[in-house]
Amino acid sequence: MLPEKQIHPGGGAATMISLFSALGGRAAFQGIYGKDSLGEMFVNSLQCLGVDVNAMKRHRSKNNAVVLSLITPDKDRSFAC
């Protein structure tokens, strides 16, 4: 049986500034996100963590890219694009 799935936006820069913000630092993210619900989730997640997202722009026609990170109970990771 598969464990419950969890969806978390990430990427190296987003992960680092999210942690920095959570530790009390002031952080901002500048970039383009997709027009789909995953793009909105990415922006909302950063914002909820206290990251300034005012410089982010929504792409008019492209969806967000997705990479799956599969993590086993022993914390081994595999990635699928």
N, C-alpha and C. Protein backbone atom coordinates (compact mmCIF):
# COMPACT_ATOMS: atom_id res chain seq x y z
N MET A 1 0.83 -1.18 0.00
CA MET A 1 0.00 0.00 0.00
C MET A 1 0.88 1.25 0.00
N LEU A 2 0.53 2.22 -0.83
CA LEU A 2 1.29 3.46 -0.92
C LEU A 2 0.92 4.41 0.22
N PRO A 3 1.93 5.12 0.74
CA PRO A 3 1.63 6.11 1.77
C PRO A 3 0.89 7.31 1.18
N GLU A 4 0.35 8.12 2.02
CA GLU A 4 -0.36 9.32 1.59
C GLU A 4 0.57 10.22 0.80
N LYS A 5 0.05 10.80 -0.28
CA LYS A 5 0.87 11.71 -1.08
C LYS A 5 0.79 13.11 -0.49
N GLN A 6 1.86 13.84 -0.66
CA GLN A 6 1.93 15.23 -0.24
C GLN A 6 2.49 16.03 -1.40
N ILE A 7 1.95 17.20 -1.62
CA ILE A 7 2.43 18.07 -2.68
C ILE A 7 3.05 19.31 -2.06
N HIS A 8 4.33 19.53 -2.37
CA HIS A 8 5.06 20.69 -1.87
C HIS A 8 5.83 21.31 -3.03
N PRO A 9 5.67 22.60 -3.25
CA PRO A 9 6.49 23.24 -4.27
C PRO A 9 7.93 23.32 -3.81
N GLY A 10 8.85 23.33 -4.75
CA GLY A 10 10.25 23.37 -4.37
C GLY A 10 11.13 23.93 -5.44
N GLY A 11 12.32 23.45 -5.49
CA GLY A 11 13.38 24.00 -6.32
C GLY A 11 14.40 24.59 -5.36
N GLY A 12 15.65 24.55 -5.73
CA GLY A 12 16.71 24.98 -4.83
C GLY A 12 16.52 26.37 -4.25
N ALA A 13 16.29 27.36 -5.11
CA ALA A 13 16.15 28.74 -4.63
C ALA A 13 14.92 28.91 -3.75
N ALA A 14 13.80 28.36 -4.18
CA ALA A 14 12.56 28.49 -3.41
C ALA A 14 12.69 27.81 -2.04
N THR A 15 13.32 26.67 -2.00
CA THR A 15 13.51 25.96 -0.73
C THR A 15 14.37 26.78 0.22
N MET A 16 15.47 27.33 -0.28
CA MET A 16 16.39 28.09 0.58
C MET A 16 15.74 29.37 1.10
N ILE A 17 15.05 30.12 0.24
CA ILE A 17 14.46 31.37 0.74
C ILE A 17 13.29 31.09 1.66
N SER A 18 12.60 29.98 1.45
CA SER A 18 11.51 29.61 2.37
C SER A 18 12.05 29.32 3.75
N LEU A 19 13.15 28.58 3.82
CA LEU A 19 13.79 28.29 5.11
C LEU A 19 14.33 29.55 5.75
N PHE A 20 14.96 30.40 4.96
CA PHE A 20 15.50 31.65 5.46
C PHE A 20 14.39 32.52 6.06
N SER A 21 13.28 32.61 5.34
CA SER A 21 12.13 33.39 5.80
C SER A 21 11.54 32.80 7.08
N ALA A 22 11.44 31.47 7.12
CA ALA A 22 10.89 30.80 8.31
C ALA A 22 11.76 31.03 9.54
N LEU A 23 13.05 31.27 9.33
CA LEU A 23 13.96 31.54 10.44
C LEU A 23 14.01 33.02 10.82
N GLY A 24 13.15 33.82 10.18
CA GLY A 24 13.06 35.23 10.54
C GLY A 24 13.72 36.19 9.57
N GLY A 25 14.34 35.69 8.51
CA GLY A 25 14.97 36.57 7.53
C GLY A 25 13.94 37.17 6.58
N ARG A 26 14.35 38.23 5.91
CA ARG A 26 13.49 38.84 4.89
C ARG A 26 13.92 38.30 3.54
N ALA A 27 12.98 37.70 2.81
CA ALA A 27 13.31 37.06 1.53
C ALA A 27 12.28 37.45 0.47
N ALA A 28 12.74 37.49 -0.77
CA ALA A 28 11.86 37.76 -1.90
C ALA A 28 12.20 36.80 -3.03
N PHE A 29 11.21 36.51 -3.87
CA PHE A 29 11.43 35.61 -5.01
C PHE A 29 10.97 36.34 -6.25
N GLN A 30 11.78 36.30 -7.29
CA GLN A 30 11.44 36.92 -8.57
C GLN A 30 11.49 35.85 -9.63
N GLY A 31 10.41 35.72 -10.40
CA GLY A 31 10.39 34.73 -11.46
C GLY A 31 9.03 34.66 -12.12
N ILE A 32 8.88 33.72 -13.01
CA ILE A 32 7.63 33.51 -13.74
C ILE A 32 7.06 32.17 -13.32
N TYR A 33 5.76 32.14 -13.06
CA TYR A 33 5.08 30.89 -12.71
C TYR A 33 4.00 30.59 -13.72
N GLY A 34 3.60 29.32 -13.79
CA GLY A 34 2.63 28.87 -14.78
C GLY A 34 1.22 29.35 -14.50
N LYS A 35 0.39 29.28 -15.55
CA LYS A 35 -0.99 29.75 -15.45
C LYS A 35 -1.94 28.75 -14.80
N ASP A 36 -1.44 27.60 -14.39
CA ASP A 36 -2.28 26.53 -13.84
C ASP A 36 -2.35 26.58 -12.32
N SER A 37 -3.07 25.66 -11.74
CA SER A 37 -3.24 25.64 -10.28
C SER A 37 -1.93 25.34 -9.56
N LEU A 38 -1.02 24.59 -10.18
CA LEU A 38 0.28 24.34 -9.54
C LEU A 38 1.10 25.62 -9.43
N GLY A 39 1.00 26.47 -10.43
CA GLY A 39 1.68 27.77 -10.36
C GLY A 39 1.13 28.62 -9.24
N GLU A 40 -0.18 28.64 -9.11
CA GLU A 40 -0.82 29.39 -8.02
C GLU A 40 -0.41 28.82 -6.66
N MET A 41 -0.35 27.50 -6.56
CA MET A 41 0.05 26.86 -5.30
C MET A 41 1.49 27.25 -4.94
N PHE A 42 2.36 27.32 -5.93
CA PHE A 42 3.75 27.69 -5.71
C PHE A 42 3.83 29.09 -5.10
N VAL A 43 3.13 30.04 -5.71
CA VAL A 43 3.15 31.42 -5.22
C VAL A 43 2.52 31.52 -3.83
N ASN A 44 1.39 30.88 -3.64
CA ASN A 44 0.70 30.92 -2.35
C ASN A 44 1.54 30.31 -1.24
N SER A 45 2.24 29.22 -1.55
CA SER A 45 3.09 28.57 -0.54
C SER A 45 4.22 29.48 -0.10
N LEU A 46 4.86 30.13 -1.05
CA LEU A 46 5.93 31.07 -0.71
C LEU A 46 5.38 32.21 0.14
N GLN A 47 4.25 32.74 -0.28
CA GLN A 47 3.65 33.86 0.43
C GLN A 47 3.27 33.48 1.87
N CYS A 48 2.73 32.30 2.05
CA CYS A 48 2.36 31.83 3.39
C CYS A 48 3.57 31.68 4.31
N LEU A 49 4.73 31.46 3.71
CA LEU A 49 5.96 31.32 4.50
C LEU A 49 6.64 32.67 4.73
N GLY A 50 6.01 33.75 4.29
CA GLY A 50 6.54 35.08 4.53
C GLY A 50 7.47 35.61 3.45
N VAL A 51 7.53 34.92 2.31
CA VAL A 51 8.39 35.36 1.22
C VAL A 51 7.65 36.43 0.41
N ASP A 52 8.33 37.51 0.08
CA ASP A 52 7.76 38.58 -0.75
C ASP A 52 7.69 38.07 -2.19
N VAL A 53 6.49 38.01 -2.75
CA VAL A 53 6.29 37.49 -4.11
C VAL A 53 5.82 38.59 -5.07
N ASN A 54 5.97 39.85 -4.68
CA ASN A 54 5.47 40.95 -5.51
C ASN A 54 6.13 41.05 -6.88
N ALA A 55 7.35 40.56 -7.03
CA ALA A 55 8.05 40.63 -8.31
C ALA A 55 7.74 39.43 -9.21
N MET A 56 6.92 38.49 -8.76
CA MET A 56 6.61 37.32 -9.57
C MET A 56 5.55 37.66 -10.61
N LYS A 57 5.67 37.07 -11.77
CA LYS A 57 4.73 37.29 -12.87
C LYS A 57 4.14 35.97 -13.33
N ARG A 58 2.86 35.98 -13.67
CA ARG A 58 2.17 34.78 -14.17
C ARG A 58 2.30 34.73 -15.69
N HIS A 59 2.71 33.57 -16.21
CA HIS A 59 2.83 33.38 -17.66
C HIS A 59 1.43 33.30 -18.27
N ARG A 60 1.24 33.90 -19.41
CA ARG A 60 -0.09 33.95 -20.04
C ARG A 60 -0.55 32.62 -20.63
N SER A 61 0.40 31.79 -21.06
CA SER A 61 -0.03 30.58 -21.77
C SER A 61 0.61 29.28 -21.29
N LYS A 62 1.69 29.32 -20.58
CA LYS A 62 2.40 28.10 -20.17
C LYS A 62 1.99 27.64 -18.78
N ASN A 63 1.95 26.32 -18.61
CA ASN A 63 1.71 25.72 -17.29
C ASN A 63 3.04 25.58 -16.55
N ASN A 64 2.95 25.36 -15.26
CA ASN A 64 4.13 25.14 -14.44
C ASN A 64 4.79 23.81 -14.81
N ALA A 65 6.10 23.76 -14.69
CA ALA A 65 6.83 22.51 -14.86
C ALA A 65 6.66 21.67 -13.59
N VAL A 66 6.74 20.36 -13.73
CA VAL A 66 6.56 19.47 -12.58
C VAL A 66 7.66 18.41 -12.57
N VAL A 67 8.25 18.21 -11.41
CA VAL A 67 9.18 17.11 -11.18
C VAL A 67 8.69 16.40 -9.92
N LEU A 68 8.57 15.10 -9.99
CA LEU A 68 8.14 14.33 -8.83
C LEU A 68 9.37 13.85 -8.06
N SER A 69 9.33 14.04 -6.76
CA SER A 69 10.36 13.53 -5.89
C SER A 69 9.72 12.45 -5.03
N LEU A 70 10.14 11.22 -5.26
CA LEU A 70 9.60 10.08 -4.52
C LEU A 70 10.54 9.76 -3.37
N ILE A 71 10.03 9.81 -2.15
CA ILE A 71 10.86 9.62 -0.97
C ILE A 71 10.41 8.36 -0.23
N THR A 72 11.35 7.45 -0.04
CA THR A 72 11.05 6.20 0.65
C THR A 72 11.09 6.41 2.16
N PRO A 73 10.55 5.47 2.93
CA PRO A 73 10.58 5.61 4.40
C PRO A 73 11.98 5.81 4.97
N ASP A 74 13.01 5.29 4.29
CA ASP A 74 14.39 5.48 4.78
C ASP A 74 15.03 6.75 4.21
N LYS A 75 14.20 7.63 3.62
CA LYS A 75 14.61 8.96 3.13
C LYS A 75 15.42 8.95 1.84
N ASP A 76 15.42 7.83 1.11
CA ASP A 76 16.06 7.78 -0.18
C ASP A 76 15.16 8.49 -1.18
N ARG A 77 15.74 9.30 -2.08
CA ARG A 77 14.93 10.06 -3.04
C ARG A 77 15.17 9.61 -4.47
N SER A 78 14.11 9.59 -5.26
CA SER A 78 14.17 9.35 -6.70
C SER A 78 13.35 10.46 -7.36
N PHE A 79 13.77 10.88 -8.54
CA PHE A 79 13.10 11.97 -9.24
C PHE A 79 12.56 11.49 -10.57
N ALA A 80 11.38 12.00 -10.92
CA ALA A 80 10.75 11.67 -12.21
C ALA A 80 10.27 12.98 -12.84
N CYS A 81 10.59 13.13 -14.12
CA CYS A 81 10.16 14.34 -14.85
C CYS A 81 9.02 14.01 -15.79
